[in-house]
Amino acid sequence: MQHNDLIARLEAEFMAHDDGSDASHDINHARRVMRAALQIAATEGGGDEGVIIAAAYLHDWVNLPKNDPNRSRASEFSAEAARPILASLGFAPDRIEATCHAILTHSFSANIPPRTLEARALQDADRLEALGAIGLARVFAIAGQLGSSLFDGEDPFAKSRPLDDRRYAVDHFEVKLLRLPETMQTATGRNMAEERAEVMRRFLRSLAEELGHAMPW
């Protein structure tokens, strides 16, 4: 199947499945992950583009809220749900396994090491979505969904209190987001992540200035 045909089929599957309730994991997220993963894989030596495309569209097929007790198993559920879809698209068994491995290992919370270039590229591409300007938009959108405060008005950068990113959105930058570049699987992904992390640092410096607080991170 040609890539354009594969994308068209996957887009149709996605749109039929998506209920529109989560803008952070909508079809535009899948498209951005696909483009970034293809770019990373091409720079790192290639890989099976069809596997990458399919994994990008299907990696969040089962999308559980951040506070769901089964959140760490979402990628496992997505990989299993992807199997009949991939079979209907004509994927051979080995490519189904490769795609499902990429889906299974993309998740931060699952913490399963990726073994293939396709899986490493997908994981990096998905983590890039948590950084940069898009990452800024997402962190505050998710905070709204969870009912979290933007920051602690008395101590916004947790200089004298424990970090608590379930309670304060700004804490999430230090708890997780600014540490993502060091978790990237590829050199290309790390370079892209560092650039996007700097966008976040600039935002935090501006926020600190507006609030009259020094930023310790």
C-alpha atoms as a PDB file:
ATOM      1  CA  MET A   1       0.000   0.000   0.000  1.00  0.00           C
ATOM      2  CA  GLN A   2       1.340   3.452  -0.911  1.00  0.00           C
ATOM      3  CA  HIS A   3       1.967   5.835   1.975  1.00  0.00           C
ATOM      4  CA  ASN A   4      -0.755   8.265   0.850  1.00  0.00           C
ATOM      5  CA  ASP A   5      -3.291   5.440   0.739  1.00  0.00           C
ATOM      6  CA  LEU A   6      -2.158   4.165   4.140  1.00  0.00           C
ATOM      7  CA  ILE A   7      -2.474   7.624   5.666  1.00  0.00           C
ATOM      8  CA  ALA A   8      -5.940   8.092   4.167  1.00  0.00           C
ATOM      9  CA  ARG A   9      -7.103   4.758   5.601  1.00  0.00           C
ATOM     10  CA  LEU A  10      -5.624   5.515   9.015  1.00  0.00           C
ATOM     11  CA  GLU A  11      -7.129   9.002   9.062  1.00  0.00           C
ATOM     12  CA  ALA A  12     -10.552   7.527   8.338  1.00  0.00           C
ATOM     13  CA  GLU A  13     -10.106   4.969  11.130  1.00  0.00           C
ATOM     14  CA  PHE A  14      -8.950   7.678  13.525  1.00  0.00           C
ATOM     15  CA  MET A  15     -11.812  10.068  12.782  1.00  0.00           C
ATOM     16  CA  ALA A  16     -14.377   7.295  13.213  1.00  0.00           C
ATOM     17  CA  HIS A  17     -12.833   6.356  16.573  1.00  0.00           C
ATOM     18  CA  ASP A  18     -12.070   9.781  18.090  1.00  0.00           C
ATOM     19  CA  ASP A  19     -14.800  11.338  20.236  1.00  0.00           C
ATOM     20  CA  GLY A  20     -13.192  14.795  20.181  1.00  0.00           C
ATOM     21  CA  SER A  21     -12.896  15.031  23.954  1.00  0.00           C
ATOM     22  CA  ASP A  22      -9.099  15.427  24.179  1.00  0.00           C
ATOM     23  CA  ALA A  23      -7.452  18.121  22.062  1.00  0.00           C
ATOM     24  CA  SER A  24      -4.013  17.017  23.271  1.00  0.00           C
ATOM     25  CA  HIS A  25      -4.440  13.634  21.574  1.00  0.00           C
ATOM     26  CA  ASP A  26      -6.513  14.524  18.518  1.00  0.00           C
ATOM     27  CA  ILE A  27      -5.739  13.798  14.876  1.00  0.00           C
ATOM     28  CA  ASN A  28      -3.446  16.819  14.669  1.00  0.00           C
ATOM     29  CA  HIS A  29      -1.346  15.305  17.454  1.00  0.00           C
ATOM     30  CA  ALA A  30      -1.126  12.049  15.481  1.00  0.00           C
ATOM     31  CA  ARG A  31      -0.095  13.947  12.339  1.00  0.00           C
ATOM     32  CA  ARG A  32       2.608  15.897  14.158  1.00  0.00           C
ATOM     33  CA  VAL A  33       3.964  12.730  15.770  1.00  0.00           C
ATOM     34  CA  MET A  34       4.027  11.028  12.373  1.00  0.00           C
ATOM     35  CA  ARG A  35       5.963  13.883  10.748  1.00  0.00           C
ATOM     36  CA  ALA A  36       8.457  14.141  13.598  1.00  0.00           C
ATOM     37  CA  ALA A  37       8.971  10.370  13.811  1.00  0.00           C
ATOM     38  CA  LEU A  38       9.576  10.127  10.070  1.00  0.00           C
ATOM     39  CA  GLN A  39      12.058  13.006  10.278  1.00  0.00           C
ATOM     40  CA  ILE A  40      13.903  11.427  13.197  1.00  0.00           C
ATOM     41  CA  ALA A  41      14.029   7.993  11.568  1.00  0.00           C
ATOM     42  CA  ALA A  42      15.241   9.406   8.246  1.00  0.00           C
ATOM     43  CA  THR A  43      18.049  11.291   9.985  1.00  0.00           C
ATOM     44  CA  GLU A  44      18.969   8.265  12.093  1.00  0.00           C
ATOM     45  CA  GLY A  45      19.175   5.847   9.176  1.00  0.00           C
ATOM     46  CA  GLY A  46      15.754   5.027   7.757  1.00  0.00           C
ATOM     47  CA  GLY A  47      13.415   2.432   9.192  1.00  0.00           C
ATOM     48  CA  ASP A  48      10.099   1.134   7.890  1.00  0.00           C
ATOM     49  CA  GLU A  49       8.072   4.244   7.101  1.00  0.00           C
ATOM     50  CA  GLY A  50       4.804   2.302   6.945  1.00  0.00           C
ATOM     51  CA  VAL A  51       5.331   0.987  10.467  1.00  0.00           C
ATOM     52  CA  ILE A  52       6.105   4.502  11.706  1.00  0.00           C
ATOM     53  CA  ILE A  53       3.029   5.982  10.017  1.00  0.00           C
ATOM     54  CA  ALA A  54       0.709   3.318  11.411  1.00  0.00           C
ATOM     55  CA  ALA A  55       2.181   3.525  14.902  1.00  0.00           C
ATOM     56  CA  ALA A  56       1.810   7.310  14.933  1.00  0.00           C
ATOM     57  CA  TYR A  57      -1.902   7.147  14.184  1.00  0.00           C
ATOM     58  CA  LEU A  58      -2.611   4.246  16.538  1.00  0.00           C
ATOM     59  CA  HIS A  59      -0.324   4.915  19.507  1.00  0.00           C
ATOM     60  CA  ASP A  60      -3.020   6.598  21.631  1.00  0.00           C
ATOM     61  CA  TRP A  61      -5.926   4.429  20.475  1.00  0.00           C
ATOM     62  CA  VAL A  62      -6.776   3.727  24.114  1.00  0.00           C
ATOM     63  CA  ASN A  63      -6.285   7.125  25.746  1.00  0.00           C
ATOM     64  CA  LEU A  64      -6.770   7.065  29.509  1.00  0.00           C
ATOM     65  CA  PRO A  65      -6.798  10.205  31.695  1.00  0.00           C
ATOM     66  CA  LYS A  66      -3.614  11.132  33.553  1.00  0.00           C
ATOM     67  CA  ASN A  67      -5.240  10.223  36.860  1.00  0.00           C
ATOM     68  CA  ASP A  68      -6.650   6.865  35.742  1.00  0.00           C
ATOM     69  CA  PRO A  69      -5.239   3.930  37.785  1.00  0.00           C
ATOM     70  CA  ASN A  70      -4.606   1.992  34.546  1.00  0.00           C
ATOM     71  CA  ARG A  71      -2.816   4.890  32.845  1.00  0.00           C
ATOM     72  CA  SER A  72       0.493   2.991  32.691  1.00  0.00           C
ATOM     73  CA  ARG A  73      -1.221   0.224  30.678  1.00  0.00           C
ATOM     74  CA  ALA A  74      -2.735   2.506  28.026  1.00  0.00           C
ATOM     75  CA  SER A  75      -0.009   1.731  25.484  1.00  0.00           C
ATOM     76  CA  GLU A  76      -0.501  -2.001  26.111  1.00  0.00           C
ATOM     77  CA  PHE A  77      -4.229  -1.640  25.465  1.00  0.00           C
ATOM     78  CA  SER A  78      -3.543   0.473  22.363  1.00  0.00           C
ATOM     79  CA  ALA A  79      -1.129  -2.101  20.942  1.00  0.00           C
ATOM     80  CA  GLU A  80      -3.700  -4.868  21.316  1.00  0.00           C
ATOM     81  CA  ALA A  81      -6.447  -2.729  19.791  1.00  0.00           C
ATOM     82  CA  ALA A  82      -4.163  -1.942  16.850  1.00  0.00           C
ATOM     83  CA  ARG A  83      -3.699  -5.573  15.785  1.00  0.00           C
ATOM     84  CA  PRO A  84      -7.034  -6.076  13.959  1.00  0.00           C
ATOM     85  CA  ILE A  85      -6.745  -2.640  12.364  1.00  0.00           C
ATOM     86  CA  LEU A  86      -3.269  -3.413  11.036  1.00  0.00           C
ATOM     87  CA  ALA A  87      -4.438  -6.784   9.747  1.00  0.00           C
ATOM     88  CA  SER A  88      -7.309  -5.078   7.905  1.00  0.00           C
ATOM     89  CA  LEU A  89      -4.749  -2.757   6.306  1.00  0.00           C
ATOM     90  CA  GLY A  90      -2.854  -5.748   4.932  1.00  0.00           C
ATOM     91  CA  PHE A  91       0.154  -5.582   7.243  1.00  0.00           C
ATOM     92  CA  ALA A  92       2.179  -8.801   7.328  1.00  0.00           C
ATOM     93  CA  PRO A  93       2.586 -10.453  10.757  1.00  0.00           C
ATOM     94  CA  ASP A  94       6.151  -9.197  11.225  1.00  0.00           C
ATOM     95  CA  ARG A  95       5.096  -5.602  10.487  1.00  0.00           C
ATOM     96  CA  ILE A  96       2.140  -5.928  12.839  1.00  0.00           C
ATOM     97  CA  GLU A  97       4.556  -6.990  15.578  1.00  0.00           C
ATOM     98  CA  ALA A  98       6.927  -4.121  14.748  1.00  0.00           C
ATOM     99  CA  THR A  99       4.103  -1.581  14.830  1.00  0.00           C
ATOM    100  CA  CYS A 100       2.673  -2.941  18.069  1.00  0.00           C
ATOM    101  CA  HIS A 101       6.123  -2.888  19.675  1.00  0.00           C
ATOM    102  CA  ALA A 102       6.460   0.797  18.775  1.00  0.00           C
ATOM    103  CA  ILE A 103       3.016   1.539  20.208  1.00  0.00           C
ATOM    104  CA  LEU A 104       3.703  -0.462  23.376  1.00  0.00           C
ATOM    105  CA  THR A 105       7.025   1.239  24.120  1.00  0.00           C
ATOM    106  CA  HIS A 106       6.159   4.846  23.265  1.00  0.00           C
ATOM    107  CA  SER A 107       4.605   5.569  26.661  1.00  0.00           C
ATOM    108  CA  PHE A 108       6.497   7.437  29.368  1.00  0.00           C
ATOM    109  CA  SER A 109       4.445   5.843  32.148  1.00  0.00           C
ATOM    110  CA  ALA A 110       4.821   2.297  30.801  1.00  0.00           C
ATOM    111  CA  ASN A 111       8.641   2.598  30.929  1.00  0.00           C
ATOM    112  CA  ILE A 112       9.301  -0.211  28.405  1.00  0.00           C
ATOM    113  CA  PRO A 113      12.565   0.159  26.422  1.00  0.00           C
ATOM    114  CA  PRO A 114      12.142   0.425  22.623  1.00  0.00           C
ATOM    115  CA  ARG A 115      14.245  -2.078  20.655  1.00  0.00           C
ATOM    116  CA  THR A 116      13.872  -0.813  17.080  1.00  0.00           C
ATOM    117  CA  LEU A 117      14.564   2.414  15.220  1.00  0.00           C
ATOM    118  CA  GLU A 118      10.861   2.771  14.461  1.00  0.00           C
ATOM    119  CA  ALA A 119       9.994   2.456  18.163  1.00  0.00           C
ATOM    120  CA  ARG A 120      12.748   4.849  19.243  1.00  0.00           C
ATOM    121  CA  ALA A 121      11.646   7.408  16.660  1.00  0.00           C
ATOM    122  CA  LEU A 122       8.011   7.161  17.758  1.00  0.00           C
ATOM    123  CA  GLN A 123       8.879   7.521  21.439  1.00  0.00           C
ATOM    124  CA  ASP A 124      11.017  10.585  20.759  1.00  0.00           C
ATOM    125  CA  ALA A 125       8.385  12.139  18.489  1.00  0.00           C
ATOM    126  CA  ASP A 126       5.648  11.664  21.067  1.00  0.00           C
ATOM    127  CA  ARG A 127       7.793  13.157  23.836  1.00  0.00           C
ATOM    128  CA  LEU A 128       8.542  16.181  21.664  1.00  0.00           C
ATOM    129  CA  GLU A 129       4.819  16.951  21.830  1.00  0.00           C
ATOM    130  CA  ALA A 130       5.227  17.629  25.560  1.00  0.00           C
ATOM    131  CA  LEU A 131       7.862  20.299  24.870  1.00  0.00           C
ATOM    132  CA  GLY A 132       8.041  23.664  23.124  1.00  0.00           C
ATOM    133  CA  ALA A 133       5.062  25.889  22.367  1.00  0.00           C
ATOM    134  CA  ILE A 134       2.719  22.930  21.912  1.00  0.00           C
ATOM    135  CA  GLY A 135       3.904  21.461  25.190  1.00  0.00           C
ATOM    136  CA  LEU A 136       3.141  24.748  26.943  1.00  0.00           C
ATOM    137  CA  ALA A 137      -0.397  24.713  25.581  1.00  0.00           C
ATOM    138  CA  ARG A 138      -0.872  21.087  26.559  1.00  0.00           C
ATOM    139  CA  VAL A 139       0.391  21.352  30.130  1.00  0.00           C
ATOM    140  CA  PHE A 140      -2.121  24.050  30.990  1.00  0.00           C
ATOM    141  CA  ALA A 141      -4.937  22.381  29.059  1.00  0.00           C
ATOM    142  CA  ILE A 142      -4.356  19.172  31.030  1.00  0.00           C
ATOM    143  CA  ALA A 143      -4.159  21.140  34.280  1.00  0.00           C
ATOM    144  CA  GLY A 144      -7.609  22.489  33.494  1.00  0.00           C
ATOM    145  CA  GLN A 145      -8.924  18.985  32.860  1.00  0.00           C
ATOM    146  CA  LEU A 146      -7.522  17.769  36.177  1.00  0.00           C
ATOM    147  CA  GLY A 147      -8.621  20.820  38.150  1.00  0.00           C
ATOM    148  CA  SER A 148      -5.039  21.769  39.059  1.00  0.00           C
ATOM    149  CA  SER A 149      -3.943  25.305  39.936  1.00  0.00           C
ATOM    150  CA  LEU A 150      -1.610  27.116  37.551  1.00  0.00           C
ATOM    151  CA  PHE A 151       0.979  27.666  40.308  1.00  0.00           C
ATOM    152  CA  ASP A 152       1.358  28.246  44.032  1.00  0.00           C
ATOM    153  CA  GLY A 153       0.885  31.989  44.501  1.00  0.00           C
ATOM    154  CA  GLU A 154       3.193  32.134  47.514  1.00  0.00           C
ATOM    155  CA  ASP A 155       5.954  29.883  46.175  1.00  0.00           C
ATOM    156  CA  PRO A 156       5.419  29.376  42.413  1.00  0.00           C
ATOM    157  CA  PHE A 157       8.762  27.636  41.821  1.00  0.00           C
ATOM    158  CA  ALA A 158       8.758  25.413  44.922  1.00  0.00           C
ATOM    159  CA  LYS A 159      11.818  26.925  46.553  1.00  0.00           C
ATOM    160  CA  SER A 160      10.599  26.052  50.055  1.00  0.00           C
ATOM    161  CA  ARG A 161       7.995  23.338  49.497  1.00  0.00           C
ATOM    162  CA  PRO A 162       7.921  19.896  47.857  1.00  0.00           C
ATOM    163  CA  LEU A 163       7.118  19.826  44.156  1.00  0.00           C
ATOM    164  CA  ASP A 164       3.539  18.717  43.506  1.00  0.00           C
ATOM    165  CA  ASP A 165       2.632  18.617  39.822  1.00  0.00           C
ATOM    166  CA  ARG A 166      -0.791  17.135  40.481  1.00  0.00           C
ATOM    167  CA  ARG A 167      -1.691  20.293  42.376  1.00  0.00           C
ATOM    168  CA  TYR A 168       0.282  22.936  40.432  1.00  0.00           C
ATOM    169  CA  ALA A 169       0.833  22.968  36.673  1.00  0.00           C
ATOM    170  CA  VAL A 170       4.112  24.913  36.818  1.00  0.00           C
ATOM    171  CA  ASP A 171       5.638  22.232  39.054  1.00  0.00           C
ATOM    172  CA  HIS A 172       5.296  19.780  36.151  1.00  0.00           C
ATOM    173  CA  PHE A 173       8.067  21.568  34.264  1.00  0.00           C
ATOM    174  CA  GLU A 174      10.645  20.628  36.883  1.00  0.00           C
ATOM    175  CA  VAL A 175       9.118  17.272  37.809  1.00  0.00           C
ATOM    176  CA  LYS A 176       9.097  15.993  34.228  1.00  0.00           C
ATOM    177  CA  LEU A 177       9.112  18.276  31.210  1.00  0.00           C
ATOM    178  CA  LEU A 178      12.541  19.914  31.484  1.00  0.00           C
ATOM    179  CA  ARG A 179      14.041  16.461  32.090  1.00  0.00           C
ATOM    180  CA  LEU A 180      12.632  14.938  28.902  1.00  0.00           C
ATOM    181  CA  PRO A 181      15.606  15.786  26.629  1.00  0.00           C
ATOM    182  CA  GLU A 182      17.848  13.423  28.599  1.00  0.00           C
ATOM    183  CA  THR A 183      15.362  10.576  28.062  1.00  0.00           C
ATOM    184  CA  MET A 184      15.390  10.804  24.267  1.00  0.00           C
ATOM    185  CA  GLN A 185      16.380   7.631  22.442  1.00  0.00           C
ATOM    186  CA  THR A 186      18.125   9.229  19.449  1.00  0.00           C
ATOM    187  CA  ALA A 187      20.630  12.043  18.958  1.00  0.00           C
ATOM    188  CA  THR A 188      18.224  13.725  16.547  1.00  0.00           C
ATOM    189  CA  GLY A 189      15.435  13.561  19.094  1.00  0.00           C
ATOM    190  CA  ARG A 190      17.666  14.978  21.840  1.00  0.00           C
ATOM    191  CA  ASN A 191      18.667  17.953  19.705  1.00  0.00           C
ATOM    192  CA  MET A 192      15.042  18.699  18.865  1.00  0.00           C
ATOM    193  CA  ALA A 193      14.037  18.275  22.506  1.00  0.00           C
ATOM    194  CA  GLU A 194      16.719  20.671  23.775  1.00  0.00           C
ATOM    195  CA  GLU A 195      15.509  23.354  21.362  1.00  0.00           C
ATOM    196  CA  ARG A 196      11.934  22.946  22.545  1.00  0.00           C
ATOM    197  CA  ALA A 197      12.899  22.807  26.221  1.00  0.00           C
ATOM    198  CA  GLU A 198      14.568  26.192  25.799  1.00  0.00           C
ATOM    199  CA  VAL A 199      11.230  27.598  24.600  1.00  0.00           C
ATOM    200  CA  MET A 200       9.779  26.471  27.923  1.00  0.00           C
ATOM    201  CA  ARG A 201      12.651  27.936  29.922  1.00  0.00           C
ATOM    202  CA  ARG A 202      12.093  31.307  28.238  1.00  0.00           C
ATOM    203  CA  PHE A 203       8.427  31.154  29.202  1.00  0.00           C
ATOM    204  CA  LEU A 204       9.295  30.298  32.806  1.00  0.00           C
ATOM    205  CA  ARG A 205      11.808  33.152  32.994  1.00  0.00           C
ATOM    206  CA  SER A 206       9.116  35.540  31.756  1.00  0.00           C
ATOM    207  CA  LEU A 207       6.632  34.134  34.259  1.00  0.00           C
ATOM    208  CA  ALA A 208       9.139  34.527  37.092  1.00  0.00           C
ATOM    209  CA  GLU A 209       9.762  38.144  36.099  1.00  0.00           C
ATOM    210  CA  GLU A 210       6.035  38.922  36.002  1.00  0.00           C
ATOM    211  CA  LEU A 211       5.499  37.314  39.405  1.00  0.00           C
ATOM    212  CA  GLY A 212       8.550  38.941  40.972  1.00  0.00           C
ATOM    213  CA  HIS A 213      10.148  35.621  41.863  1.00  0.00           C
ATOM    214  CA  ALA A 214      13.524  34.151  40.961  1.00  0.00           C
ATOM    215  CA  MET A 215      13.377  30.923  38.969  1.00  0.00           C
ATOM    216  CA  PRO A 216      15.605  28.252  40.577  1.00  0.00           C
ATOM    217  CA  TRP A 217      15.510  25.683  37.771  1.00  0.00           C
END
